[in-house]
Amino acid sequence: MMDYFSDAKHGRKKGVQFRPITPSLQRSTTPIQVQPLSSLKIWIVLSIGIIGLGLSSTGCVAPAPPKSAPEEDIPALYTSEAQLIKPEECGRCHPRFYYFIKTEGGKHRIDCKLCHVQFHVHFPGKVEYQEILPKCSACHEQVHGADLAQCSGCHTNAHTPMKIPAERALEQGCFICHAEVDKEMKTFVTQHTELYCSSCHHTKHRYVPECLECHRPHTEGMTQAECLTCHGPHKARQVAYPEDIRREACSGCHRDAYDKLEQSGTIHSGFSCAKCHPEHRAIKQCRECHPEPHPDRPGLLQKYPVCGRCHGVAHNVIGGS
């Protein structure tokens, strides 16, 4: 049985709804009125729908969570668990710094993350490099004291910490670490005292120059070791030498004495210079080696107290008359 009659065919007014007739109830002829929606309400409903669609498209309304993909749909590339980044992986994007650490990193050959606790967070204008770069003080105290607290003044590259360029900034602090050398340079004044440290120790820190870069050798074939045997570089005129110093080493400054000794053919020509000159510029007296001369002529020494008056110099001893 039809429940509703709303068309004109059955002689009912359009829009009028009747209750169904059931056997257990008396038929009711009271109509239920259904009011049509006004134009204003329709516009309100439509406006709310349009606004909702707009908000969801701009992200203000959270989208529905994505459905988890079945295990068989995940590419093999992503099946393993992610691991913490390793130094060699840092080196793929930073090969230059990786090479520096590998070849000249010294004690800084450690995991990159121990120093770089933040990375890939640089944002110009918001997060600057100076804010995220590792600070030396995180591991090091003031190794060279408060006067050299600015580590990067000498250690310009933390990836090559001991490769220190010889610059004037470095030179201003030489005396702090090399106090003994500084004292020698000022106590034993030479032409070296007037030079900057980097004039000799150029190129990089700890560079030791060859004396022959500036000085001519005393003899042909003279080596750096032989130079340093007599001349300390920071007190060059305080000459010191061992007992077995070669005569040739002395000949550079004392050529005349060397030539006379070589040509004399006396016992003296077989001695090293240090036998008679135990210290530079020191001269032994003849009687330190020779016994009392001319015992049969006691008055001779009173008349000639200086041996050289008769025998000449020790480098070319001559017989007396």
C-alpha atoms as a PDB file:
ATOM      1  CA  MET A   1       0.000   0.000   0.000  1.00  0.00           C
ATOM      2  CA  MET A   2       1.349   3.429  -0.780  1.00  0.00           C
ATOM      3  CA  ASP A   3       2.173   5.573   2.207  1.00  0.00           C
ATOM      4  CA  TYR A   4       2.140   9.009   0.654  1.00  0.00           C
ATOM      5  CA  PHE A   5      -0.132  10.879  -1.680  1.00  0.00           C
ATOM      6  CA  SER A   6       1.177  14.107  -2.966  1.00  0.00           C
ATOM      7  CA  ASP A   7       0.180  14.483  -6.553  1.00  0.00           C
ATOM      8  CA  ALA A   8      -2.874  16.016  -8.071  1.00  0.00           C
ATOM      9  CA  LYS A   9      -3.838  12.711  -9.654  1.00  0.00           C
ATOM     10  CA  HIS A  10      -5.305  11.490  -6.372  1.00  0.00           C
ATOM     11  CA  GLY A  11      -6.963  14.751  -5.667  1.00  0.00           C
ATOM     12  CA  ARG A  12      -4.466  15.742  -3.033  1.00  0.00           C
ATOM     13  CA  LYS A  13      -2.791  19.060  -2.646  1.00  0.00           C
ATOM     14  CA  LYS A  14       0.806  18.978  -3.613  1.00  0.00           C
ATOM     15  CA  GLY A  15       3.206  19.007  -0.669  1.00  0.00           C
ATOM     16  CA  VAL A  16       0.674  17.414   1.774  1.00  0.00           C
ATOM     17  CA  GLN A  17       1.772  14.198   3.462  1.00  0.00           C
ATOM     18  CA  PHE A  18      -0.597  11.634   5.054  1.00  0.00           C
ATOM     19  CA  ARG A  19       0.056   9.041   7.671  1.00  0.00           C
ATOM     20  CA  PRO A  20      -0.184   5.422   6.519  1.00  0.00           C
ATOM     21  CA  ILE A  21      -3.334   3.462   7.312  1.00  0.00           C
ATOM     22  CA  THR A  22      -2.725   0.427   9.459  1.00  0.00           C
ATOM     23  CA  PRO A  23      -5.190  -2.217  10.533  1.00  0.00           C
ATOM     24  CA  SER A  24      -4.545  -1.720  14.231  1.00  0.00           C
ATOM     25  CA  LEU A  25      -5.047   2.006  14.227  1.00  0.00           C
ATOM     26  CA  GLN A  26      -7.853   4.190  13.127  1.00  0.00           C
ATOM     27  CA  ARG A  27      -7.022   6.061  10.049  1.00  0.00           C
ATOM     28  CA  SER A  28      -6.027   9.603  10.735  1.00  0.00           C
ATOM     29  CA  THR A  29      -6.651  12.306   8.286  1.00  0.00           C
ATOM     30  CA  THR A  30      -4.456  14.910  10.037  1.00  0.00           C
ATOM     31  CA  PRO A  31      -1.784  16.038   7.531  1.00  0.00           C
ATOM     32  CA  ILE A  32       1.898  16.583   8.404  1.00  0.00           C
ATOM     33  CA  GLN A  33       3.105  19.870   6.974  1.00  0.00           C
ATOM     34  CA  VAL A  34       6.637  19.940   5.452  1.00  0.00           C
ATOM     35  CA  GLN A  35       7.893  23.490   5.043  1.00  0.00           C
ATOM     36  CA  PRO A  36      10.094  24.089   2.007  1.00  0.00           C
ATOM     37  CA  LEU A  37      13.631  25.604   2.657  1.00  0.00           C
ATOM     38  CA  SER A  38      13.809  29.308   2.155  1.00  0.00           C
ATOM     39  CA  SER A  39      16.351  30.827  -0.266  1.00  0.00           C
ATOM     40  CA  LEU A  40      18.404  32.303   2.627  1.00  0.00           C
ATOM     41  CA  LYS A  41      18.859  28.929   4.292  1.00  0.00           C
ATOM     42  CA  ILE A  42      19.902  27.345   1.016  1.00  0.00           C
ATOM     43  CA  TRP A  43      22.565  30.022   0.517  1.00  0.00           C
ATOM     44  CA  ILE A  44      23.868  29.547   4.047  1.00  0.00           C
ATOM     45  CA  VAL A  45      24.271  25.799   3.533  1.00  0.00           C
ATOM     46  CA  LEU A  46      26.000  26.286   0.210  1.00  0.00           C
ATOM     47  CA  SER A  47      28.373  28.923   1.687  1.00  0.00           C
ATOM     48  CA  ILE A  48      29.400  26.642   4.543  1.00  0.00           C
ATOM     49  CA  GLY A  49      30.187  23.862   2.086  1.00  0.00           C
ATOM     50  CA  ILE A  50      32.279  26.110  -0.140  1.00  0.00           C
ATOM     51  CA  ILE A  51      34.289  27.467   2.837  1.00  0.00           C
ATOM     52  CA  GLY A  52      34.958  23.935   4.076  1.00  0.00           C
ATOM     53  CA  LEU A  53      36.271  22.867   0.708  1.00  0.00           C
ATOM     54  CA  GLY A  54      38.559  25.918   0.551  1.00  0.00           C
ATOM     55  CA  LEU A  55      40.039  25.335   4.014  1.00  0.00           C
ATOM     56  CA  SER A  56      40.763  21.695   3.333  1.00  0.00           C
ATOM     57  CA  SER A  57      42.619  22.581   0.118  1.00  0.00           C
ATOM     58  CA  THR A  58      44.891  25.101   1.897  1.00  0.00           C
ATOM     59  CA  GLY A  59      45.926  22.687   4.648  1.00  0.00           C
ATOM     60  CA  CYS A  60      43.995  24.273   7.547  1.00  0.00           C
ATOM     61  CA  VAL A  61      41.955  21.120   7.768  1.00  0.00           C
ATOM     62  CA  ALA A  62      44.156  18.079   8.351  1.00  0.00           C
ATOM     63  CA  PRO A  63      43.913  15.613   5.497  1.00  0.00           C
ATOM     64  CA  ALA A  64      43.101  12.039   6.196  1.00  0.00           C
ATOM     65  CA  PRO A  65      46.191  10.014   7.158  1.00  0.00           C
ATOM     66  CA  PRO A  66      47.646   8.034   4.254  1.00  0.00           C
ATOM     67  CA  LYS A  67      46.920   4.406   4.168  1.00  0.00           C
ATOM     68  CA  SER A  68      49.942   2.304   5.082  1.00  0.00           C
ATOM     69  CA  ALA A  69      51.310   0.561   2.077  1.00  0.00           C
ATOM     70  CA  PRO A  70      51.394  -3.182   2.082  1.00  0.00           C
ATOM     71  CA  GLU A  71      54.836  -4.640   2.857  1.00  0.00           C
ATOM     72  CA  GLU A  72      55.238  -5.901  -0.688  1.00  0.00           C
ATOM     73  CA  ASP A  73      54.771  -2.355  -2.106  1.00  0.00           C
ATOM     74  CA  ILE A  74      57.880  -0.890  -0.261  1.00  0.00           C
ATOM     75  CA  PRO A  75      60.922  -0.603  -2.588  1.00  0.00           C
ATOM     76  CA  ALA A  76      63.950  -2.664  -1.589  1.00  0.00           C
ATOM     77  CA  LEU A  77      65.891   0.585  -1.147  1.00  0.00           C
ATOM     78  CA  TYR A  78      63.923   1.384   2.000  1.00  0.00           C
ATOM     79  CA  THR A  79      63.617  -2.015   3.642  1.00  0.00           C
ATOM     80  CA  SER A  80      66.675  -1.654   5.934  1.00  0.00           C
ATOM     81  CA  GLU A  81      66.742   0.428   9.116  1.00  0.00           C
ATOM     82  CA  ALA A  82      68.308   3.899   8.872  1.00  0.00           C
ATOM     83  CA  GLN A  83      71.770   4.171  10.478  1.00  0.00           C
ATOM     84  CA  LEU A  84      73.629   7.173  11.938  1.00  0.00           C
ATOM     85  CA  ILE A  85      75.718   9.019   9.361  1.00  0.00           C
ATOM     86  CA  LYS A  86      79.417   8.047   9.208  1.00  0.00           C
ATOM     87  CA  PRO A  87      82.500  10.185   8.363  1.00  0.00           C
ATOM     88  CA  GLU A  88      82.907   8.647   4.918  1.00  0.00           C
ATOM     89  CA  GLU A  89      79.304   9.607   4.167  1.00  0.00           C
ATOM     90  CA  CYS A  90      80.044  13.193   5.234  1.00  0.00           C
ATOM     91  CA  GLY A  91      82.947  13.044   2.807  1.00  0.00           C
ATOM     92  CA  ARG A  92      80.643  12.482  -0.144  1.00  0.00           C
ATOM     93  CA  CYS A  93      79.428  16.077   0.075  1.00  0.00           C
ATOM     94  CA  HIS A  94      82.530  17.485   1.791  1.00  0.00           C
ATOM     95  CA  PRO A  95      85.419  15.670   0.047  1.00  0.00           C
ATOM     96  CA  ARG A  96      87.957  18.448   0.644  1.00  0.00           C
ATOM     97  CA  PHE A  97      87.491  18.468   4.408  1.00  0.00           C
ATOM     98  CA  TYR A  98      87.405  14.666   4.499  1.00  0.00           C
ATOM     99  CA  TYR A  99      90.782  14.607   2.705  1.00  0.00           C
ATOM    100  CA  PHE A 100      92.229  17.198   5.106  1.00  0.00           C
ATOM    101  CA  ILE A 101      91.187  15.160   8.144  1.00  0.00           C
ATOM    102  CA  LYS A 102      92.385  11.911   6.587  1.00  0.00           C
ATOM    103  CA  THR A 103      95.855  13.208   5.660  1.00  0.00           C
ATOM    104  CA  GLU A 104      96.628  15.928   8.234  1.00  0.00           C
ATOM    105  CA  GLY A 105      93.912  15.705  10.860  1.00  0.00           C
ATOM    106  CA  GLY A 106      96.191  14.616  13.684  1.00  0.00           C
ATOM    107  CA  LYS A 107      94.225  14.069  16.884  1.00  0.00           C
ATOM    108  CA  HIS A 108      91.154  15.508  15.170  1.00  0.00           C
ATOM    109  CA  ARG A 109      90.683  12.252  13.249  1.00  0.00           C
ATOM    110  CA  ILE A 110      87.480  11.502  15.138  1.00  0.00           C
ATOM    111  CA  ASP A 111      83.820  11.057  14.250  1.00  0.00           C
ATOM    112  CA  CYS A 112      82.551  14.248  12.590  1.00  0.00           C
ATOM    113  CA  LYS A 113      79.500  14.283  14.866  1.00  0.00           C
ATOM    114  CA  LEU A 114      81.651  14.682  17.987  1.00  0.00           C
ATOM    115  CA  CYS A 115      82.444  18.241  16.867  1.00  0.00           C
ATOM    116  CA  HIS A 116      79.578  18.997  14.516  1.00  0.00           C
ATOM    117  CA  VAL A 117      76.678  18.377  16.874  1.00  0.00           C
ATOM    118  CA  GLN A 118      74.504  20.470  14.539  1.00  0.00           C
ATOM    119  CA  PHE A 119      74.659  20.189  10.784  1.00  0.00           C
ATOM    120  CA  HIS A 120      72.538  21.176   7.801  1.00  0.00           C
ATOM    121  CA  VAL A 121      70.822  23.869   9.870  1.00  0.00           C
ATOM    122  CA  HIS A 122      72.490  26.920   8.327  1.00  0.00           C
ATOM    123  CA  PHE A 123      69.863  29.433   7.221  1.00  0.00           C
ATOM    124  CA  PRO A 124      71.148  32.843   6.030  1.00  0.00           C
ATOM    125  CA  GLY A 125      69.677  35.621   8.112  1.00  0.00           C
ATOM    126  CA  LYS A 126      68.378  33.255  10.793  1.00  0.00           C
ATOM    127  CA  VAL A 127      70.976  30.632  11.658  1.00  0.00           C
ATOM    128  CA  GLU A 128      74.486  31.816  10.772  1.00  0.00           C
ATOM    129  CA  TYR A 129      77.622  29.688  10.494  1.00  0.00           C
ATOM    130  CA  GLN A 130      79.210  31.258  13.567  1.00  0.00           C
ATOM    131  CA  GLU A 131      76.343  29.985  15.690  1.00  0.00           C
ATOM    132  CA  ILE A 132      76.638  26.359  14.627  1.00  0.00           C
ATOM    133  CA  LEU A 133      80.414  25.956  14.070  1.00  0.00           C
ATOM    134  CA  PRO A 134      82.099  23.851  16.797  1.00  0.00           C
ATOM    135  CA  LYS A 135      83.796  25.789  19.570  1.00  0.00           C
ATOM    136  CA  CYS A 136      87.372  24.828  20.510  1.00  0.00           C
ATOM    137  CA  SER A 137      86.532  25.363  24.170  1.00  0.00           C
ATOM    138  CA  ALA A 138      84.140  22.411  24.031  1.00  0.00           C
ATOM    139  CA  CYS A 139      87.196  20.123  24.219  1.00  0.00           C
ATOM    140  CA  HIS A 140      90.251  22.333  24.791  1.00  0.00           C
ATOM    141  CA  GLU A 141      91.175  24.624  27.630  1.00  0.00           C
ATOM    142  CA  GLN A 142      93.408  27.661  27.111  1.00  0.00           C
ATOM    143  CA  VAL A 143      96.392  25.558  26.066  1.00  0.00           C
ATOM    144  CA  HIS A 144      98.677  28.532  25.468  1.00  0.00           C
ATOM    145  CA  GLY A 145      97.263  30.804  28.163  1.00  0.00           C
ATOM    146  CA  ALA A 146      94.934  33.765  28.039  1.00  0.00           C
ATOM    147  CA  ASP A 147      97.240  35.718  25.707  1.00  0.00           C
ATOM    148  CA  LEU A 148      96.647  33.181  22.937  1.00  0.00           C
ATOM    149  CA  ALA A 149      93.021  32.316  23.621  1.00  0.00           C
ATOM    150  CA  GLN A 150      91.922  32.940  20.022  1.00  0.00           C
ATOM    151  CA  CYS A 151      92.738  29.481  18.641  1.00  0.00           C
ATOM    152  CA  SER A 152      91.859  30.272  15.031  1.00  0.00           C
ATOM    153  CA  GLY A 153      94.492  33.028  14.961  1.00  0.00           C
ATOM    154  CA  CYS A 154      97.138  30.309  14.485  1.00  0.00           C
ATOM    155  CA  HIS A 155      95.143  27.118  13.866  1.00  0.00           C
ATOM    156  CA  THR A 156      93.317  28.494  10.848  1.00  0.00           C
ATOM    157  CA  ASN A 157      91.812  25.162   9.761  1.00  0.00           C
ATOM    158  CA  ALA A 158      90.485  22.773  12.396  1.00  0.00           C
ATOM    159  CA  HIS A 159      90.662  19.919   9.872  1.00  0.00           C
ATOM    160  CA  THR A 160      94.460  20.390   9.643  1.00  0.00           C
ATOM    161  CA  PRO A 161      95.122  21.640  13.183  1.00  0.00           C
ATOM    162  CA  MET A 162      98.931  21.459  13.071  1.00  0.00           C
ATOM    163  CA  LYS A 163      99.288  22.974   9.602  1.00  0.00           C
ATOM    164  CA  ILE A 164      99.814  26.531  10.814  1.00  0.00           C
ATOM    165  CA  PRO A 165     100.692  29.141   8.168  1.00  0.00           C
ATOM    166  CA  ALA A 166     103.574  31.474   8.973  1.00  0.00           C
ATOM    167  CA  GLU A 167     101.695  34.745   9.143  1.00  0.00           C
ATOM    168  CA  ARG A 168     102.220  37.911  11.112  1.00  0.00           C
ATOM    169  CA  ALA A 169      99.299  37.021  13.371  1.00  0.00           C
ATOM    170  CA  LEU A 170     101.177  33.871  14.384  1.00  0.00           C
ATOM    171  CA  GLU A 171     104.389  35.831  14.836  1.00  0.00           C
ATOM    172  CA  GLN A 172     102.911  38.083  17.506  1.00  0.00           C
ATOM    173  CA  GLY A 173     102.676  35.107  19.852  1.00  0.00           C
ATOM    174  CA  CYS A 174     105.949  33.264  19.143  1.00  0.00           C
ATOM    175  CA  PHE A 175     107.530  34.445  22.396  1.00  0.00           C
ATOM    176  CA  ILE A 176     104.729  32.915  24.464  1.00  0.00           C
ATOM    177  CA  CYS A 177     105.495  29.345  23.441  1.00  0.00           C
ATOM    178  CA  HIS A 178     109.179  29.884  22.624  1.00  0.00           C
ATOM    179  CA  ALA A 179     110.258  31.981  25.609  1.00  0.00           C
ATOM    180  CA  GLU A 180     113.788  30.513  25.750  1.00  0.00           C
ATOM    181  CA  VAL A 181     114.418  31.299  22.092  1.00  0.00           C
ATOM    182  CA  ASP A 182     113.094  34.818  22.578  1.00  0.00           C
ATOM    183  CA  LYS A 183     115.494  35.306  25.498  1.00  0.00           C
ATOM    184  CA  GLU A 184     118.493  34.088  23.462  1.00  0.00           C
ATOM    185  CA  MET A 185     117.672  36.396  20.560  1.00  0.00           C
ATOM    186  CA  LYS A 186     117.537  39.426  22.852  1.00  0.00           C
ATOM    187  CA  THR A 187     120.565  38.485  24.978  1.00  0.00           C
ATOM    188  CA  PHE A 188     122.960  37.555  22.163  1.00  0.00           C
ATOM    189  CA  VAL A 189     122.234  40.272  19.658  1.00  0.00           C
ATOM    190  CA  THR A 190     123.072  39.525  16.041  1.00  0.00           C
ATOM    191  CA  GLN A 191     121.641  40.462  12.670  1.00  0.00           C
ATOM    192  CA  HIS A 192     119.093  37.699  13.291  1.00  0.00           C
ATOM    193  CA  THR A 193     117.656  39.726  16.171  1.00  0.00           C
ATOM    194  CA  GLU A 194     116.413  42.362  13.745  1.00  0.00           C
ATOM    195  CA  LEU A 195     114.494  39.872  11.620  1.00  0.00           C
ATOM    196  CA  TYR A 196     110.908  38.699  11.957  1.00  0.00           C
ATOM    197  CA  CYS A 197     110.578  35.056  12.969  1.00  0.00           C
ATOM    198  CA  SER A 198     108.820  34.340   9.678  1.00  0.00           C
ATOM    199  CA  SER A 199     111.846  35.612   7.747  1.00  0.00           C
ATOM    200  CA  CYS A 200     113.536  32.296   8.543  1.00  0.00           C
ATOM    201  CA  HIS A 201     110.611  30.130   9.670  1.00  0.00           C
ATOM    202  CA  HIS A 202     108.572  30.860   6.589  1.00  0.00           C
ATOM    203  CA  THR A 203     105.933  28.796   4.801  1.00  0.00           C
ATOM    204  CA  LYS A 204     104.458  27.164   7.905  1.00  0.00           C
ATOM    205  CA  HIS A 205     104.837  26.676  11.630  1.00  0.00           C
ATOM    206  CA  ARG A 206     107.757  24.425  12.661  1.00  0.00           C
ATOM    207  CA  TYR A 207     109.554  24.953   9.381  1.00  0.00           C
ATOM    208  CA  VAL A 208     113.314  24.860  10.070  1.00  0.00           C
ATOM    209  CA  PRO A 209     115.280  26.673   7.376  1.00  0.00           C
ATOM    210  CA  GLU A 210     118.604  25.634   5.921  1.00  0.00           C
ATOM    211  CA  CYS A 211     121.392  28.037   6.915  1.00  0.00           C
ATOM    212  CA  LEU A 212     122.557  27.984   3.306  1.00  0.00           C
ATOM    213  CA  GLU A 213     119.309  29.631   2.214  1.00  0.00           C
ATOM    214  CA  CYS A 214     120.953  32.904   3.310  1.00  0.00           C
ATOM    215  CA  HIS A 215     124.580  32.152   4.225  1.00  0.00           C
ATOM    216  CA  ARG A 216     127.516  30.985   2.151  1.00  0.00           C
ATOM    217  CA  PRO A 217     129.234  27.827   3.446  1.00  0.00           C
ATOM    218  CA  HIS A 218     132.694  27.993   5.004  1.00  0.00           C
ATOM    219  CA  THR A 219     133.836  25.156   2.770  1.00  0.00           C
ATOM    220  CA  GLU A 220     132.509  23.444  -0.306  1.00  0.00           C
ATOM    221  CA  GLY A 221     130.054  20.686   0.526  1.00  0.00           C
ATOM    222  CA  MET A 222     129.358  21.983   4.029  1.00  0.00           C
ATOM    223  CA  THR A 223     126.108  20.609   5.431  1.00  0.00           C
ATOM    224  CA  GLN A 224     123.386  22.020   7.654  1.00  0.00           C
ATOM    225  CA  ALA A 225     124.486  19.729  10.484  1.00  0.00           C
ATOM    226  CA  GLU A 226     127.994  21.127  10.297  1.00  0.00           C
ATOM    227  CA  CYS A 227     126.695  24.690  10.476  1.00  0.00           C
ATOM    228  CA  LEU A 228     124.695  23.896  13.604  1.00  0.00           C
ATOM    229  CA  THR A 229     127.693  22.145  15.149  1.00  0.00           C
ATOM    230  CA  CYS A 230     129.239  25.542  15.864  1.00  0.00           C
ATOM    231  CA  HIS A 231     126.482  28.107  15.432  1.00  0.00           C
ATOM    232  CA  GLY A 232     123.252  28.063  17.387  1.00  0.00           C
ATOM    233  CA  PRO A 233     120.787  29.853  15.093  1.00  0.00           C
ATOM    234  CA  HIS A 234     119.354  32.099  17.812  1.00  0.00           C
ATOM    235  CA  LYS A 235     122.806  33.044  19.183  1.00  0.00           C
ATOM    236  CA  ALA A 236     124.901  32.619  16.076  1.00  0.00           C
ATOM    237  CA  ARG A 237     128.021  34.393  17.307  1.00  0.00           C
ATOM    238  CA  GLN A 238     128.259  32.311  20.475  1.00  0.00           C
ATOM    239  CA  VAL A 239     130.371  29.720  18.706  1.00  0.00           C
ATOM    240  CA  ALA A 240     130.749  26.333  20.392  1.00  0.00           C
ATOM    241  CA  TYR A 241     132.145  23.134  18.966  1.00  0.00           C
ATOM    242  CA  PRO A 242     133.172  19.576  19.936  1.00  0.00           C
ATOM    243  CA  GLU A 243     136.775  18.462  20.414  1.00  0.00           C
ATOM    244  CA  ASP A 244     136.808  16.546  17.153  1.00  0.00           C
ATOM    245  CA  ILE A 245     135.675  19.464  15.006  1.00  0.00           C
ATOM    246  CA  ARG A 246     137.207  19.260  11.537  1.00  0.00           C
ATOM    247  CA  ARG A 247     139.818  21.893  10.753  1.00  0.00           C
ATOM    248  CA  GLU A 248     138.039  22.538   7.469  1.00  0.00           C
ATOM    249  CA  ALA A 249     135.031  23.854   9.377  1.00  0.00           C
ATOM    250  CA  CYS A 250     137.218  26.485  11.024  1.00  0.00           C
ATOM    251  CA  SER A 251     138.889  27.439   7.781  1.00  0.00           C
ATOM    252  CA  GLY A 252     135.903  29.431   6.567  1.00  0.00           C
ATOM    253  CA  CYS A 253     136.699  32.218   9.025  1.00  0.00           C
ATOM    254  CA  HIS A 254     140.326  31.411   9.794  1.00  0.00           C
ATOM    255  CA  ARG A 255     141.689  30.678   6.361  1.00  0.00           C
ATOM    256  CA  ASP A 256     145.176  32.111   6.913  1.00  0.00           C
ATOM    257  CA  ALA A 257     145.771  30.073  10.058  1.00  0.00           C
ATOM    258  CA  TYR A 258     144.444  26.944   8.349  1.00  0.00           C
ATOM    259  CA  ASP A 259     146.746  27.328   5.344  1.00  0.00           C
ATOM    260  CA  LYS A 260     149.855  27.902   7.494  1.00  0.00           C
ATOM    261  CA  LEU A 261     149.063  24.855   9.649  1.00  0.00           C
ATOM    262  CA  GLU A 262     148.560  22.665   6.591  1.00  0.00           C
ATOM    263  CA  GLN A 263     151.853  23.735   5.094  1.00  0.00           C
ATOM    264  CA  SER A 264     153.939  23.639   8.280  1.00  0.00           C
ATOM    265  CA  GLY A 265     154.565  19.900   8.398  1.00  0.00           C
ATOM    266  CA  THR A 266     154.994  20.076  12.194  1.00  0.00           C
ATOM    267  CA  ILE A 267     153.426  17.991  14.921  1.00  0.00           C
ATOM    268  CA  HIS A 268     150.806  20.729  15.263  1.00  0.00           C
ATOM    269  CA  SER A 269     149.476  20.026  11.785  1.00  0.00           C
ATOM    270  CA  GLY A 270     148.092  16.707  12.983  1.00  0.00           C
ATOM    271  CA  PHE A 271     145.972  18.215  15.755  1.00  0.00           C
ATOM    272  CA  SER A 272     142.405  19.426  15.611  1.00  0.00           C
ATOM    273  CA  CYS A 273     141.920  23.132  16.177  1.00  0.00           C
ATOM    274  CA  ALA A 274     140.056  22.406  19.415  1.00  0.00           C
ATOM    275  CA  LYS A 275     143.197  20.930  21.014  1.00  0.00           C
ATOM    276  CA  CYS A 276     144.778  24.359  21.308  1.00  0.00           C
ATOM    277  CA  HIS A 277     141.498  26.337  21.153  1.00  0.00           C
ATOM    278  CA  PRO A 278     139.159  24.464  23.530  1.00  0.00           C
ATOM    279  CA  GLU A 279     136.711  27.363  23.310  1.00  0.00           C
ATOM    280  CA  HIS A 280     136.175  29.831  20.535  1.00  0.00           C
ATOM    281  CA  ARG A 281     138.739  32.634  20.662  1.00  0.00           C
ATOM    282  CA  ALA A 282     140.565  30.911  23.556  1.00  0.00           C
ATOM    283  CA  ILE A 283     144.301  30.271  23.089  1.00  0.00           C
ATOM    284  CA  LYS A 284     146.245  27.794  25.171  1.00  0.00           C
ATOM    285  CA  GLN A 285     149.621  28.832  26.527  1.00  0.00           C
ATOM    286  CA  CYS A 286     152.570  26.854  25.186  1.00  0.00           C
ATOM    287  CA  ARG A 287     153.512  25.616  28.645  1.00  0.00           C
ATOM    288  CA  GLU A 288     150.110  23.953  29.049  1.00  0.00           C
ATOM    289  CA  CYS A 289     151.383  21.301  26.653  1.00  0.00           C
ATOM    290  CA  HIS A 290     155.131  21.728  26.531  1.00  0.00           C
ATOM    291  CA  PRO A 291     157.472  21.122  29.509  1.00  0.00           C
ATOM    292  CA  GLU A 292     159.853  23.802  30.818  1.00  0.00           C
ATOM    293  CA  PRO A 293     161.870  24.771  27.702  1.00  0.00           C
ATOM    294  CA  HIS A 294     165.596  25.307  27.513  1.00  0.00           C
ATOM    295  CA  PRO A 295     166.520  24.006  30.956  1.00  0.00           C
ATOM    296  CA  ASP A 296     170.176  24.398  30.056  1.00  0.00           C
ATOM    297  CA  ARG A 297     169.783  28.115  29.400  1.00  0.00           C
ATOM    298  CA  PRO A 298     167.835  29.544  32.344  1.00  0.00           C
ATOM    299  CA  GLY A 299     168.510  33.156  31.461  1.00  0.00           C
ATOM    300  CA  LEU A 300     166.928  32.762  27.998  1.00  0.00           C
ATOM    301  CA  LEU A 301     163.345  32.747  29.220  1.00  0.00           C
ATOM    302  CA  GLN A 302     163.964  35.822  31.276  1.00  0.00           C
ATOM    303  CA  LYS A 303     165.139  37.628  28.172  1.00  0.00           C
ATOM    304  CA  TYR A 304     162.420  36.142  25.890  1.00  0.00           C
ATOM    305  CA  PRO A 305     159.408  35.215  28.029  1.00  0.00           C
ATOM    306  CA  VAL A 306     157.104  34.879  24.971  1.00  0.00           C
ATOM    307  CA  CYS A 307     157.768  31.688  22.978  1.00  0.00           C
ATOM    308  CA  GLY A 308     156.549  33.222  19.760  1.00  0.00           C
ATOM    309  CA  ARG A 309     159.360  35.743  19.731  1.00  0.00           C
ATOM    310  CA  CYS A 310     161.616  32.948  18.533  1.00  0.00           C
ATOM    311  CA  HIS A 311     159.275  30.221  17.304  1.00  0.00           C
ATOM    312  CA  GLY A 312     156.623  32.272  15.546  1.00  0.00           C
ATOM    313  CA  VAL A 313     152.967  31.288  15.765  1.00  0.00           C
ATOM    314  CA  ALA A 314     151.773  27.831  16.630  1.00  0.00           C
ATOM    315  CA  HIS A 315     150.312  27.352  13.144  1.00  0.00           C
ATOM    316  CA  ASN A 316     153.761  27.606  11.634  1.00  0.00           C
ATOM    317  CA  VAL A 317     156.366  26.818  14.280  1.00  0.00           C
ATOM    318  CA  ILE A 318     159.921  27.581  13.303  1.00  0.00           C
ATOM    319  CA  GLY A 319     163.163  26.565  14.968  1.00  0.00           C
ATOM    320  CA  GLY A 320     165.003  29.055  17.153  1.00  0.00           C
ATOM    321  CA  SER A 321     168.592  30.153  16.798  1.00  0.00           C
END
